[in-house]
N, C-alpha and C. Protein backbone atom coordinates (compact mmCIF):
# COMPACT_ATOMS: atom_id res chain seq x y z
N MET A 1 5.43 39.64 16.77
CA MET A 1 5.88 38.53 16.42
C MET A 1 8.23 38.28 15.47
N SER A 2 8.69 37.99 16.14
CA SER A 2 9.66 38.02 16.50
C SER A 2 10.34 37.05 14.71
N LYS A 3 11.29 37.73 14.61
CA LYS A 3 12.12 37.01 13.14
C LYS A 3 13.01 36.23 13.46
N GLU A 4 13.28 35.88 14.20
CA GLU A 4 14.83 34.90 14.88
C GLU A 4 15.23 33.28 13.96
N GLU A 5 15.32 33.20 13.06
CA GLU A 5 15.58 31.82 12.62
C GLU A 5 16.37 31.17 13.15
N ILE A 6 16.16 29.71 13.07
CA ILE A 6 16.96 28.73 14.01
C ILE A 6 17.44 27.95 12.65
N TYR A 7 16.73 27.76 11.67
CA TYR A 7 16.64 27.01 10.58
C TYR A 7 16.41 27.11 9.85
N THR A 8 16.87 27.07 7.95
CA THR A 8 16.46 27.44 7.05
C THR A 8 16.73 26.43 6.08
N VAL A 9 16.21 25.89 4.45
CA VAL A 9 16.79 26.13 3.73
C VAL A 9 15.48 26.24 2.48
N LYS A 10 16.76 26.13 1.36
CA LYS A 10 15.95 26.70 -0.04
C LYS A 10 16.10 25.83 -0.93
N LEU A 11 15.00 25.51 -1.56
CA LEU A 11 15.04 24.31 -3.06
C LEU A 11 14.49 25.38 -4.10
N THR A 12 14.80 25.67 -5.09
CA THR A 12 15.06 26.30 -6.29
C THR A 12 14.37 25.29 -7.55
N LYS A 13 13.70 25.52 -8.50
CA LYS A 13 12.86 24.65 -9.41
C LYS A 13 12.40 26.14 -10.55
N GLY A 14 12.90 25.70 -11.59
CA GLY A 14 12.79 27.20 -12.59
C GLY A 14 12.36 27.73 -11.93
N ASN A 15 11.73 29.06 -11.86
CA ASN A 15 10.90 30.21 -11.56
C ASN A 15 10.76 30.30 -10.92
N ARG A 16 10.70 29.38 -9.20
CA ARG A 16 9.91 29.29 -8.85
C ARG A 16 11.01 28.58 -7.57
N THR A 17 11.10 29.08 -6.45
CA THR A 17 12.30 29.16 -5.29
C THR A 17 11.49 29.22 -3.89
N TYR A 18 11.34 27.82 -2.81
CA TYR A 18 10.76 27.69 -2.39
C TYR A 18 11.83 27.63 -0.90
N PHE A 19 10.72 28.23 0.22
CA PHE A 19 12.01 28.02 1.57
C PHE A 19 11.78 27.77 2.62
N PHE A 20 11.75 27.09 3.52
CA PHE A 20 11.43 26.63 4.89
C PHE A 20 12.52 26.65 5.75
N ASP A 21 11.60 27.72 6.65
CA ASP A 21 11.99 28.25 7.23
C ASP A 21 11.93 27.65 9.11
N ILE A 22 12.46 27.69 10.03
CA ILE A 22 12.55 27.15 11.77
C ILE A 22 12.09 28.48 12.53
N LYS A 23 11.64 28.67 12.72
CA LYS A 23 11.36 30.21 13.34
C LYS A 23 11.15 30.31 14.63
N LYS A 24 11.62 31.31 15.34
CA LYS A 24 11.02 31.59 17.17
C LYS A 24 10.58 32.44 17.33
N SER A 25 9.15 32.38 17.74
CA SER A 25 8.06 33.51 17.90
C SER A 25 8.62 34.17 18.89
N GLU A 26 8.17 36.30 19.92
CA GLU A 26 8.59 36.75 20.62
C GLU A 26 8.33 35.64 22.00
N SER A 27 7.56 34.22 21.69
CA SER A 27 7.00 34.05 23.31
C SER A 27 7.78 32.23 23.14
N ASP A 28 8.96 32.57 22.08
CA ASP A 28 9.65 30.84 21.87
C ASP A 28 9.18 29.48 22.03
N ASP A 29 8.05 30.23 20.96
CA ASP A 29 7.03 28.86 20.80
C ASP A 29 8.20 28.96 18.82
N LEU A 30 8.36 27.59 18.91
CA LEU A 30 8.61 27.43 17.56
C LEU A 30 7.37 27.35 16.31
N TYR A 31 7.74 28.01 14.79
CA TYR A 31 6.73 27.48 14.01
C TYR A 31 7.55 27.33 12.63
N LEU A 32 7.27 26.54 11.43
CA LEU A 32 8.08 26.48 10.01
C LEU A 32 6.90 28.07 9.57
N LYS A 33 7.92 28.15 8.11
CA LYS A 33 7.44 29.60 7.31
C LYS A 33 7.37 28.75 6.38
N ILE A 34 6.34 27.78 5.50
CA ILE A 34 7.40 28.21 3.68
C ILE A 34 6.64 28.80 3.23
N SER A 35 7.84 29.70 2.20
CA SER A 35 7.54 30.39 0.77
C SER A 35 8.07 29.71 0.12
N GLU A 36 7.51 30.73 -0.29
CA GLU A 36 7.33 30.76 -2.67
C GLU A 36 7.42 31.88 -2.96
N SER A 37 8.57 32.12 -3.55
CA SER A 37 9.01 33.54 -4.61
C SER A 37 9.38 33.01 -5.70
N LYS A 38 8.38 33.53 -6.72
CA LYS A 38 8.07 33.06 -7.72
C LYS A 38 8.29 34.62 -9.37
N LYS A 39 9.72 34.36 -9.75
CA LYS A 39 9.48 35.49 -11.08
C LYS A 39 8.31 35.90 -11.66
N THR A 40 8.52 37.27 -12.04
CA THR A 40 7.45 37.23 -13.29
C THR A 40 7.68 38.15 -13.67
N ALA A 41 6.97 38.51 -15.00
CA ALA A 41 7.71 39.68 -16.00
C ALA A 41 7.49 40.77 -15.26
N SER A 42 6.63 41.41 -14.26
CA SER A 42 6.10 42.17 -13.35
C SER A 42 7.44 42.50 -12.24
N GLY A 43 8.05 41.47 -11.52
CA GLY A 43 8.73 41.19 -10.68
C GLY A 43 8.64 39.87 -10.00
N PHE A 44 8.50 40.56 -8.54
CA PHE A 44 8.89 38.79 -7.92
C PHE A 44 7.13 38.31 -7.15
N GLU A 45 6.60 37.49 -7.31
CA GLU A 45 5.34 37.22 -6.38
C GLU A 45 5.79 36.31 -4.98
N HIS A 46 5.12 36.95 -3.98
CA HIS A 46 5.67 35.67 -2.73
C HIS A 46 4.02 35.77 -1.99
N HIS A 47 4.61 33.88 -1.74
CA HIS A 47 3.05 33.63 -0.65
C HIS A 47 3.76 32.45 1.04
N ARG A 48 3.63 32.80 1.17
CA ARG A 48 3.99 32.58 2.95
C ARG A 48 2.30 31.82 3.74
N LEU A 49 3.57 31.10 4.52
CA LEU A 49 2.59 29.65 5.30
C LEU A 49 2.76 29.43 6.50
N MET A 50 2.34 28.95 7.11
CA MET A 50 3.31 29.54 8.66
C MET A 50 2.11 28.31 9.48
N ILE A 51 2.67 27.11 10.14
CA ILE A 51 2.24 26.53 10.57
C ILE A 51 3.45 26.31 11.89
N PHE A 52 2.46 26.11 13.26
CA PHE A 52 2.83 26.42 14.50
C PHE A 52 3.32 25.00 14.94
N ASP A 53 4.43 24.77 15.51
CA ASP A 53 4.10 23.70 16.66
C ASP A 53 2.62 22.83 17.24
N GLU A 54 1.80 23.27 17.38
CA GLU A 54 0.60 22.68 17.90
C GLU A 54 -0.53 22.38 16.75
N ASP A 55 0.07 22.62 15.52
CA ASP A 55 -0.50 22.22 13.97
C ASP A 55 0.99 21.20 14.02
N LEU A 56 1.61 21.18 13.76
CA LEU A 56 2.64 20.18 12.55
C LEU A 56 2.54 19.03 12.56
N LYS A 57 2.10 18.35 13.56
CA LYS A 57 2.02 17.01 13.49
C LYS A 57 0.92 16.52 12.64
N ASP A 58 -0.50 17.24 12.45
CA ASP A 58 -1.53 17.09 12.22
C ASP A 58 -1.52 17.59 10.45
N PHE A 59 -0.38 18.58 9.98
CA PHE A 59 -0.64 19.31 9.22
C PHE A 59 0.74 18.56 8.37
N VAL A 60 1.44 17.43 9.10
CA VAL A 60 2.85 16.78 8.05
C VAL A 60 1.82 15.48 7.58
N GLU A 61 0.42 14.99 8.28
CA GLU A 61 -0.30 13.40 8.29
C GLU A 61 -1.15 13.34 6.71
N THR A 62 -1.88 14.93 7.44
CA THR A 62 -2.38 15.28 5.93
C THR A 62 -1.68 15.44 4.59
N LEU A 63 -0.81 16.04 4.74
CA LEU A 63 0.34 16.47 3.82
C LEU A 63 0.56 14.99 2.74
N LYS A 64 1.01 13.82 3.89
CA LYS A 64 1.22 13.08 3.91
C LYS A 64 0.20 12.23 2.58
N LYS A 65 -0.98 12.28 3.42
CA LYS A 65 -2.24 11.79 2.46
C LYS A 65 -2.65 11.72 1.56
N SER A 66 -2.25 13.76 1.13
CA SER A 66 -2.58 14.39 -0.23
C SER A 66 -1.17 14.03 -1.19
N LEU A 67 -0.33 13.46 -0.41
CA LEU A 67 1.04 13.24 -1.58
C LEU A 67 0.54 11.49 -1.81
N ALA A 68 0.57 10.88 -0.80
CA ALA A 68 0.18 9.76 -1.23
C ALA A 68 -1.21 9.67 -2.46
N LYS A 69 -2.18 10.27 -2.23
CA LYS A 69 -3.26 10.39 -3.32
C LYS A 69 -2.81 11.38 -4.67
N PHE A 70 -1.83 12.24 -4.52
CA PHE A 70 -1.04 13.27 -5.67
C PHE A 70 -0.71 11.99 -6.80
N LYS A 71 0.77 10.97 -6.18
CA LYS A 71 0.52 9.54 -7.02
C LYS A 71 0.22 9.21 -7.08
N GLU A 72 -0.83 8.63 -6.08
CA GLU A 72 -2.22 7.60 -6.81
C GLU A 72 -2.76 7.71 -7.81
N LEU A 73 -3.14 9.53 -8.26
CA LEU A 73 -3.31 9.72 -8.96
C LEU A 73 -2.87 10.21 -10.42
N LYS A 74 -1.70 10.29 -10.42
CA LYS A 74 -0.35 10.84 -11.37
C LYS A 74 -0.03 9.34 -12.32
N GLU A 75 0.56 8.42 -11.36
CA GLU A 75 0.70 7.16 -11.56
C GLU A 75 0.42 6.60 -12.54
N PRO A 76 -0.27 5.62 -13.77
CA PRO A 76 -1.31 4.74 -13.81
C PRO A 76 -1.11 3.65 -12.91
N LYS A 77 -2.42 2.89 -12.84
CA LYS A 77 -2.79 1.98 -11.18
C LYS A 77 -1.93 0.46 -12.49
N GLN A 78 -1.13 0.05 -11.68
CA GLN A 78 -0.43 -1.09 -12.54
C GLN A 78 -1.05 -2.67 -12.26
N THR A 79 -1.25 -3.16 -13.34
CA THR A 79 -2.57 -4.10 -13.15
C THR A 79 -1.62 -5.68 -12.97
N ASP A 80 -2.10 -6.36 -12.81
CA ASP A 80 -1.48 -7.75 -13.43
C ASP A 80 -2.42 -8.46 -13.86
N GLY A 81 -3.10 -8.07 -14.38
CA GLY A 81 -4.30 -8.96 -15.34
C GLY A 81 -5.61 -9.27 -14.18
N LYS A 82 -4.70 -9.90 -12.74
CA LYS A 82 -6.10 -9.64 -11.95
C LYS A 82 -6.83 -9.74 -11.75
N THR A 83 -7.81 -10.12 -11.37
CA THR A 83 -9.56 -9.59 -11.39
C THR A 83 -10.05 -10.22 -10.27
N TYR A 84 -9.38 -10.83 -9.52
CA TYR A 84 -9.79 -11.27 -8.51
C TYR A 84 -8.29 -10.63 -6.82
N SER A 85 -8.63 -10.94 -5.72
CA SER A 85 -7.71 -10.08 -4.66
C SER A 85 -7.80 -11.72 -3.66
N VAL A 86 -6.88 -12.11 -3.23
CA VAL A 86 -5.98 -13.10 -2.52
C VAL A 86 -6.36 -13.42 -1.44
N GLU A 87 -6.71 -11.73 -1.18
CA GLU A 87 -7.01 -11.93 0.30
C GLU A 87 -8.75 -11.69 0.53
N LYS A 88 -9.66 -11.69 -0.42
CA LYS A 88 -11.16 -11.36 -0.52
C LYS A 88 -11.33 -13.63 -0.80
N ILE A 89 -10.62 -13.92 -1.17
CA ILE A 89 -10.95 -15.06 -1.26
C ILE A 89 -10.42 -16.14 -0.50
N ARG A 90 -9.35 -15.67 0.21
CA ARG A 90 -8.80 -16.49 1.52
C ARG A 90 -10.38 -16.11 3.01
N GLU A 91 -10.93 -14.95 2.44
CA GLU A 91 -12.48 -14.64 3.75
C GLU A 91 -12.86 -16.82 3.41
N THR A 92 -12.92 -17.18 2.32
CA THR A 92 -14.14 -18.22 2.30
C THR A 92 -13.16 -19.54 2.63
N HIS A 93 -11.43 -19.28 1.69
CA HIS A 93 -10.99 -20.71 2.09
C HIS A 93 -9.62 -20.05 2.21
N GLN A 94 -9.21 -20.40 3.43
CA GLN A 94 -7.93 -19.82 3.76
C GLN A 94 -6.95 -20.29 3.52
N GLN A 95 -6.70 -21.36 2.39
CA GLN A 95 -5.45 -22.02 1.91
C GLN A 95 -5.28 -22.07 0.88
N ALA A 96 -5.95 -20.62 0.35
CA ALA A 96 -5.62 -20.28 -1.29
C ALA A 96 -4.53 -19.94 -1.78
N TYR A 97 -4.47 -20.39 -2.78
CA TYR A 97 -3.02 -20.14 -3.58
C TYR A 97 -1.61 -20.25 -2.71
N LEU A 98 -1.79 -20.26 -1.35
CA LEU A 98 -0.64 -21.34 -0.85
C LEU A 98 -0.20 -22.42 -1.13
N PRO A 99 0.79 -22.65 -1.05
CA PRO A 99 1.89 -23.90 -1.87
C PRO A 99 0.80 -25.56 -1.09
N TRP A 100 1.36 -25.91 -1.88
CA TRP A 100 0.50 -27.40 -1.30
C TRP A 100 2.16 -28.15 -0.60
N THR A 101 1.76 -28.82 0.55
CA THR A 101 3.45 -29.63 1.35
C THR A 101 2.88 -30.55 0.52
N GLU A 102 4.44 -31.90 0.92
CA GLU A 102 4.65 -33.01 1.25
C GLU A 102 2.91 -34.38 2.02
N GLU A 103 2.74 -32.97 2.98
CA GLU A 103 1.84 -33.52 3.81
C GLU A 103 0.36 -33.85 3.59
N ASP A 104 0.25 -32.59 2.66
CA ASP A 104 -0.99 -31.80 2.02
C ASP A 104 -1.19 -33.13 1.36
N ASP A 105 -0.30 -33.41 0.66
CA ASP A 105 -0.51 -34.36 -0.77
C ASP A 105 -0.85 -36.11 0.49
N ASN A 106 -0.43 -36.50 0.35
CA ASN A 106 -0.24 -38.02 1.50
C ASN A 106 -1.57 -37.64 2.16
N LYS A 107 -2.44 -36.71 2.43
CA LYS A 107 -3.13 -36.60 3.16
C LYS A 107 -4.43 -36.34 2.27
N LEU A 108 -4.13 -35.77 1.28
CA LEU A 108 -5.32 -36.06 -0.17
C LEU A 108 -5.32 -37.20 -1.03
N GLU A 109 -3.91 -37.89 -0.74
CA GLU A 109 -4.48 -38.62 -1.73
C GLU A 109 -5.07 -40.22 -0.54
N LEU A 110 -4.60 -40.38 0.94
CA LEU A 110 -5.61 -40.73 1.56
C LEU A 110 -6.97 -40.68 1.71
N LEU A 111 -7.82 -39.65 1.49
CA LEU A 111 -9.21 -39.20 1.42
C LEU A 111 -9.85 -39.44 0.13
N PHE A 112 -9.14 -38.95 -0.48
CA PHE A 112 -9.15 -39.49 -1.79
C PHE A 112 -9.72 -40.96 -2.68
N CYS A 113 -8.83 -41.77 -2.31
CA CYS A 113 -8.64 -43.06 -2.01
C CYS A 113 -10.13 -43.55 -1.05
N GLU A 114 -10.68 -42.50 0.38
CA GLU A 114 -10.87 -43.59 0.99
C GLU A 114 -12.58 -43.14 0.48
N GLY A 115 -12.25 -42.62 -0.51
CA GLY A 115 -13.92 -41.87 -1.92
C GLY A 115 -14.04 -40.69 -1.05
N LYS A 116 -13.94 -39.85 -0.07
CA LYS A 116 -14.06 -38.31 -0.34
C LYS A 116 -14.67 -37.46 -1.51
N LYS A 117 -15.49 -36.90 -1.48
CA LYS A 117 -16.04 -36.23 -2.55
C LYS A 117 -15.22 -34.41 -1.81
N VAL A 118 -15.03 -34.76 -3.30
CA VAL A 118 -14.08 -33.19 -4.15
C VAL A 118 -14.86 -32.04 -3.40
N LYS A 119 -15.66 -32.25 -2.92
CA LYS A 119 -16.01 -30.80 -1.86
C LYS A 119 -15.67 -31.10 -0.74
N GLU A 120 -15.98 -31.88 -0.30
CA GLU A 120 -15.45 -32.30 1.01
C GLU A 120 -14.44 -32.10 1.70
N LEU A 121 -13.52 -32.45 0.20
CA LEU A 121 -12.23 -32.03 0.24
C LEU A 121 -11.81 -30.90 0.17
N ALA A 122 -12.26 -30.41 -0.15
CA ALA A 122 -12.23 -28.37 -0.12
C ALA A 122 -12.68 -27.96 0.99
N GLU A 123 -13.28 -28.20 1.24
CA GLU A 123 -13.69 -27.89 3.23
C GLU A 123 -12.76 -28.03 3.55
N THR A 124 -12.47 -29.60 3.94
CA THR A 124 -10.90 -29.98 4.94
C THR A 124 -9.56 -29.51 4.39
N PHE A 125 -9.72 -29.33 3.10
CA PHE A 125 -7.64 -28.78 3.28
C PHE A 125 -8.05 -26.99 3.00
N GLY A 126 -9.44 -25.95 3.01
CA GLY A 126 -9.79 -24.87 2.94
C GLY A 126 -8.89 -24.17 1.45
N ARG A 127 -9.89 -24.92 0.56
CA ARG A 127 -8.84 -24.60 -0.63
C ARG A 127 -10.79 -25.11 -0.80
N ASN A 128 -10.65 -24.75 -2.53
CA ASN A 128 -11.76 -24.25 -3.72
C ASN A 128 -11.75 -25.68 -4.43
N VAL A 129 -12.40 -25.86 -4.47
CA VAL A 129 -12.92 -26.57 -5.93
C VAL A 129 -11.95 -27.16 -6.78
N GLY A 130 -11.26 -25.96 -7.65
CA GLY A 130 -11.24 -25.77 -8.60
C GLY A 130 -9.05 -26.11 -8.14
N ALA A 131 -9.65 -26.45 -7.13
CA ALA A 131 -7.94 -25.46 -6.66
C ALA A 131 -7.49 -27.37 -6.48
N ILE A 132 -8.27 -28.16 -5.44
CA ILE A 132 -8.37 -29.75 -5.24
C ILE A 132 -8.68 -30.32 -6.84
N ASN A 133 -9.78 -30.10 -7.18
CA ASN A 133 -9.34 -30.84 -8.85
C ASN A 133 -7.89 -30.88 -9.46
N SER A 134 -7.60 -29.63 -9.46
CA SER A 134 -6.33 -28.83 -10.30
C SER A 134 -5.77 -30.34 -9.29
N ARG A 135 -4.79 -30.12 -8.23
CA ARG A 135 -3.55 -30.87 -7.36
C ARG A 135 -4.78 -32.77 -7.75
N ILE A 136 -5.35 -33.27 -7.85
CA ILE A 136 -5.93 -34.62 -7.63
C ILE A 136 -5.56 -34.68 -9.14
N LYS A 137 -5.61 -34.00 -10.50
CA LYS A 137 -4.66 -33.87 -11.79
C LYS A 137 -3.67 -34.30 -11.44
N LYS A 138 -2.94 -32.93 -11.38
CA LYS A 138 -1.60 -32.92 -10.92
C LYS A 138 -1.19 -34.42 -10.23
N LEU A 139 -1.16 -34.75 -9.54
CA LEU A 139 -0.91 -35.98 -8.50
C LEU A 139 -1.42 -37.27 -9.05
N GLU A 140 -2.60 -36.59 -9.77
CA GLU A 140 -2.66 -38.56 -10.95
C GLU A 140 -3.40 -39.13 -10.16
N LEU A 141 -4.07 -38.76 -9.59
CA LEU A 141 -4.59 -39.34 -8.58
C LEU A 141 -5.48 -40.64 -9.30
N LYS A 142 -6.49 -39.77 -9.63
CA LYS A 142 -7.34 -40.40 -10.61
C LYS A 142 -6.47 -41.37 -11.46
N ASP A 143 -6.00 -41.48 -12.51
CA ASP A 143 -5.30 -42.81 -13.27
C ASP A 143 -4.91 -44.31 -12.12
N LYS A 144 -3.89 -43.29 -11.01
CA LYS A 144 -2.97 -44.33 -10.34
C LYS A 144 -4.37 -45.36 -9.70
N TYR A 145 -5.23 -44.72 -9.58
CA TYR A 145 -5.95 -45.52 -8.95
C TYR A 145 -7.49 -45.64 -9.08
N GLY A 146 -7.69 -45.74 -10.18
CA GLY A 146 -9.05 -45.65 -11.60
C GLY A 146 -9.77 -45.51 -10.67
N LYS A 147 -10.40 -44.18 -10.57
CA LYS A 147 -11.32 -43.17 -10.25
C LYS A 147 -11.59 -42.19 -11.12
C-alpha cells in the first residue's frame, strides 16, 4: 500500500497527539488513517486505525451516535420538573397546552350557556377536563351566568 498523503491535520492534547491523514492506496483508493501517538515513560506508544472509503459513511454515522450517547451520559439530564410529556398528552387531547383564541373563548362561552357539560366541552375543544374548568374560571363564566 502506497503512503501517498493527500491531506493531514494534527491535534495535540496533553501527552497525546492525533493525526488524521487522507491517503491514497496503490490502487488509487482513498482511505482515512487516524493515528494516536502517546508519550510514555519508556518512549512513544502508537495506535493506528484505517477507515476505507466504502466504510466511511457507516463509520461516521456510528461515530455520531456514539458521541451523542457519550454527551448524554456525561452531562446530567436537564429537567424542568415536568413529569409529563406534552406530546403524549396530545395523543388524547390534540389542543393540550396550546393558547386559547378569542374564537375558542366565544365558542366556550356559548356552549357553556347552552348547558353543555365539562366533559362534552373537553371533547369539543380537544383538551382535558382540567383545562376546560380552568378556562371557565378564568373567563368567570359561572359568576357571569350564575351557574
